[in-house]
Amino acid sequence: MFCSLLLVASTVVSAVPYSQDTGVIKRFHASNSGAVAVSLNAGFPKASGDRQCPNAAGDWAGDTNIDPTVKSALLAAYLSGKRVTVTTQGCDSGGGWYRLIDVYLD
């Protein structure tokens, strides 16, 4: 029974949903602590609809401990004005942002 419970618990944890929203980065935030967040021109309607982060205002997706490659991709997309698809999952920044998982440059 313990093994069955452990298997079910690990399956539930790995099945956390994610959302993907597409748009042009209209605002780019970077802090001296290394955190980065972006705001899309179309917002994050899918993340909001999926209730990825109920306390988030819905304007920002970011990560307080982001990989430098993702940070560079976001900045390049912002500077070039290219469309991006941002994947979010849950909250970051104390619940103020959608947690950014990855980014696709369209």
C-alpha atoms as a PDB file:
ATOM      1  CA  MET A   1       0.000   0.000   0.000  1.00  0.00           C
ATOM      2  CA  PHE A   2       2.838   2.387   0.815  1.00  0.00           C
ATOM      3  CA  CYS A   3       4.364   1.815  -2.653  1.00  0.00           C
ATOM      4  CA  SER A   4       1.008   2.555  -4.310  1.00  0.00           C
ATOM      5  CA  LEU A   5       0.628   5.765  -2.317  1.00  0.00           C
ATOM      6  CA  LEU A   6       4.175   6.830  -3.202  1.00  0.00           C
ATOM      7  CA  LEU A   7       3.552   6.147  -6.897  1.00  0.00           C
ATOM      8  CA  VAL A   8       0.339   8.185  -6.907  1.00  0.00           C
ATOM      9  CA  ALA A   9       1.972  11.065  -5.007  1.00  0.00           C
ATOM     10  CA  SER A  10       4.907  11.245  -7.425  1.00  0.00           C
ATOM     11  CA  THR A  11       2.530  11.164 -10.402  1.00  0.00           C
ATOM     12  CA  VAL A  12       0.487  14.059  -9.025  1.00  0.00           C
ATOM     13  CA  VAL A  13       3.585  16.176  -8.354  1.00  0.00           C
ATOM     14  CA  SER A  14       4.960  15.677 -11.870  1.00  0.00           C
ATOM     15  CA  ALA A  15       1.626  16.541 -13.513  1.00  0.00           C
ATOM     16  CA  VAL A  16       1.619  20.248 -12.611  1.00  0.00           C
ATOM     17  CA  PRO A  17      -0.017  22.092 -15.537  1.00  0.00           C
ATOM     18  CA  TYR A  18       1.643  24.822 -17.533  1.00  0.00           C
ATOM     19  CA  SER A  19       0.370  27.550 -19.865  1.00  0.00           C
ATOM     20  CA  GLN A  20       1.747  29.192 -23.002  1.00  0.00           C
ATOM     21  CA  ASP A  21       0.995  32.769 -24.044  1.00  0.00           C
ATOM     22  CA  THR A  22       2.222  34.537 -27.178  1.00  0.00           C
ATOM     23  CA  GLY A  23       2.933  38.195 -27.839  1.00  0.00           C
ATOM     24  CA  VAL A  24       5.597  40.865 -28.131  1.00  0.00           C
ATOM     25  CA  ILE A  25       7.550  41.826 -25.017  1.00  0.00           C
ATOM     26  CA  LYS A  26       6.408  45.373 -24.215  1.00  0.00           C
ATOM     27  CA  ARG A  27       8.299  45.749 -20.912  1.00  0.00           C
ATOM     28  CA  PHE A  28      11.476  44.101 -19.632  1.00  0.00           C
ATOM     29  CA  HIS A  29      12.447  44.084 -15.945  1.00  0.00           C
ATOM     30  CA  ALA A  30      15.885  43.140 -14.618  1.00  0.00           C
ATOM     31  CA  SER A  31      17.135  43.534 -11.067  1.00  0.00           C
ATOM     32  CA  ASN A  32      20.623  43.597  -9.594  1.00  0.00           C
ATOM     33  CA  SER A  33      19.797  40.317  -7.833  1.00  0.00           C
ATOM     34  CA  GLY A  34      19.515  38.596 -11.243  1.00  0.00           C
ATOM     35  CA  ALA A  35      15.728  38.408 -11.455  1.00  0.00           C
ATOM     36  CA  VAL A  36      14.110  38.998 -14.844  1.00  0.00           C
ATOM     37  CA  ALA A  37      10.472  39.494 -15.795  1.00  0.00           C
ATOM     38  CA  VAL A  38       8.634  40.391 -18.979  1.00  0.00           C
ATOM     39  CA  SER A  39       5.258  41.847 -19.799  1.00  0.00           C
ATOM     40  CA  LEU A  40       3.612  40.895 -23.108  1.00  0.00           C
ATOM     41  CA  ASN A  41       1.532  43.264 -25.238  1.00  0.00           C
ATOM     42  CA  ALA A  42      -1.333  40.734 -25.110  1.00  0.00           C
ATOM     43  CA  GLY A  43      -0.855  39.920 -21.411  1.00  0.00           C
ATOM     44  CA  PHE A  44      -1.063  36.346 -20.154  1.00  0.00           C
ATOM     45  CA  PRO A  45      -4.674  35.300 -20.803  1.00  0.00           C
ATOM     46  CA  LYS A  46      -3.975  31.554 -20.831  1.00  0.00           C
ATOM     47  CA  ALA A  47      -1.952  31.654 -17.592  1.00  0.00           C
ATOM     48  CA  SER A  48      -4.686  33.746 -16.010  1.00  0.00           C
ATOM     49  CA  GLY A  49      -7.450  31.464 -17.284  1.00  0.00           C
ATOM     50  CA  ASP A  50      -5.560  28.397 -16.049  1.00  0.00           C
ATOM     51  CA  ARG A  51      -5.109  30.112 -12.652  1.00  0.00           C
ATOM     52  CA  GLN A  52      -1.359  29.517 -12.768  1.00  0.00           C
ATOM     53  CA  CYS A  53      -0.827  32.035  -9.982  1.00  0.00           C
ATOM     54  CA  PRO A  54      -4.054  33.300  -8.390  1.00  0.00           C
ATOM     55  CA  ASN A  55      -2.318  36.203  -6.587  1.00  0.00           C
ATOM     56  CA  ALA A  56      -0.428  37.511  -9.626  1.00  0.00           C
ATOM     57  CA  ALA A  57      -1.699  40.742 -11.140  1.00  0.00           C
ATOM     58  CA  GLY A  58      -1.383  39.088 -14.557  1.00  0.00           C
ATOM     59  CA  ASP A  59       1.018  41.602 -16.087  1.00  0.00           C
ATOM     60  CA  TRP A  60       4.382  39.902 -15.537  1.00  0.00           C
ATOM     61  CA  ALA A  61       6.079  36.535 -15.992  1.00  0.00           C
ATOM     62  CA  GLY A  62       9.571  36.065 -14.654  1.00  0.00           C
ATOM     63  CA  ASP A  63      12.007  34.151 -12.545  1.00  0.00           C
ATOM     64  CA  THR A  64      14.057  35.275  -9.578  1.00  0.00           C
ATOM     65  CA  ASN A  65      16.746  32.686 -10.415  1.00  0.00           C
ATOM     66  CA  ILE A  66      16.736  32.574 -14.215  1.00  0.00           C
ATOM     67  CA  ASP A  67      19.243  30.806 -16.433  1.00  0.00           C
ATOM     68  CA  PRO A  68      21.518  33.236 -18.320  1.00  0.00           C
ATOM     69  CA  THR A  69      20.553  31.665 -21.675  1.00  0.00           C
ATOM     70  CA  VAL A  70      16.859  32.348 -21.076  1.00  0.00           C
ATOM     71  CA  LYS A  71      17.688  35.863 -19.872  1.00  0.00           C
ATOM     72  CA  SER A  72      19.650  36.509 -23.081  1.00  0.00           C
ATOM     73  CA  ALA A  73      16.835  35.142 -25.262  1.00  0.00           C
ATOM     74  CA  LEU A  74      14.286  37.386 -23.540  1.00  0.00           C
ATOM     75  CA  LEU A  75      16.470  40.458 -23.913  1.00  0.00           C
ATOM     76  CA  ALA A  76      17.162  39.673 -27.591  1.00  0.00           C
ATOM     77  CA  ALA A  77      13.437  39.257 -28.253  1.00  0.00           C
ATOM     78  CA  TYR A  78      12.673  42.519 -26.460  1.00  0.00           C
ATOM     79  CA  LEU A  79      15.290  44.479 -28.381  1.00  0.00           C
ATOM     80  CA  SER A  80      14.283  43.012 -31.755  1.00  0.00           C
ATOM     81  CA  GLY A  81      10.536  43.259 -31.219  1.00  0.00           C
ATOM     82  CA  LYS A  82      10.072  39.581 -32.182  1.00  0.00           C
ATOM     83  CA  ARG A  83       7.010  37.631 -31.081  1.00  0.00           C
ATOM     84  CA  VAL A  84       7.631  35.139 -28.298  1.00  0.00           C
ATOM     85  CA  THR A  85       5.765  32.277 -26.732  1.00  0.00           C
ATOM     86  CA  VAL A  86       6.302  32.194 -22.969  1.00  0.00           C
ATOM     87  CA  THR A  87       5.654  29.088 -20.906  1.00  0.00           C
ATOM     88  CA  THR A  88       4.558  29.713 -17.314  1.00  0.00           C
ATOM     89  CA  GLN A  89       3.950  27.386 -14.393  1.00  0.00           C
ATOM     90  CA  GLY A  90       2.896  28.568 -10.946  1.00  0.00           C
ATOM     91  CA  CYS A  91       4.202  31.668  -9.170  1.00  0.00           C
ATOM     92  CA  ASP A  92       7.470  33.491  -8.591  1.00  0.00           C
ATOM     93  CA  SER A  93       8.512  36.694  -6.837  1.00  0.00           C
ATOM     94  CA  GLY A  94       6.403  35.927  -3.771  1.00  0.00           C
ATOM     95  CA  GLY A  95       3.321  35.291  -5.912  1.00  0.00           C
ATOM     96  CA  GLY A  96       3.547  38.571  -7.816  1.00  0.00           C
ATOM     97  CA  TRP A  97       4.631  37.051 -11.167  1.00  0.00           C
ATOM     98  CA  TYR A  98       3.785  33.994 -13.195  1.00  0.00           C
ATOM     99  CA  ARG A  99       6.859  31.758 -13.011  1.00  0.00           C
ATOM    100  CA  LEU A 100       8.574  31.735 -16.401  1.00  0.00           C
ATOM    101  CA  ILE A 101       9.715  28.255 -17.444  1.00  0.00           C
ATOM    102  CA  ASP A 102      10.974  28.842 -20.996  1.00  0.00           C
ATOM    103  CA  VAL A 103      10.616  31.087 -24.026  1.00  0.00           C
ATOM    104  CA  TYR A 104      10.299  30.451 -27.744  1.00  0.00           C
ATOM    105  CA  LEU A 105      11.254  33.157 -30.246  1.00  0.00           C
ATOM    106  CA  ASP A 106       8.720  33.012 -33.061  1.00  0.00           C
END
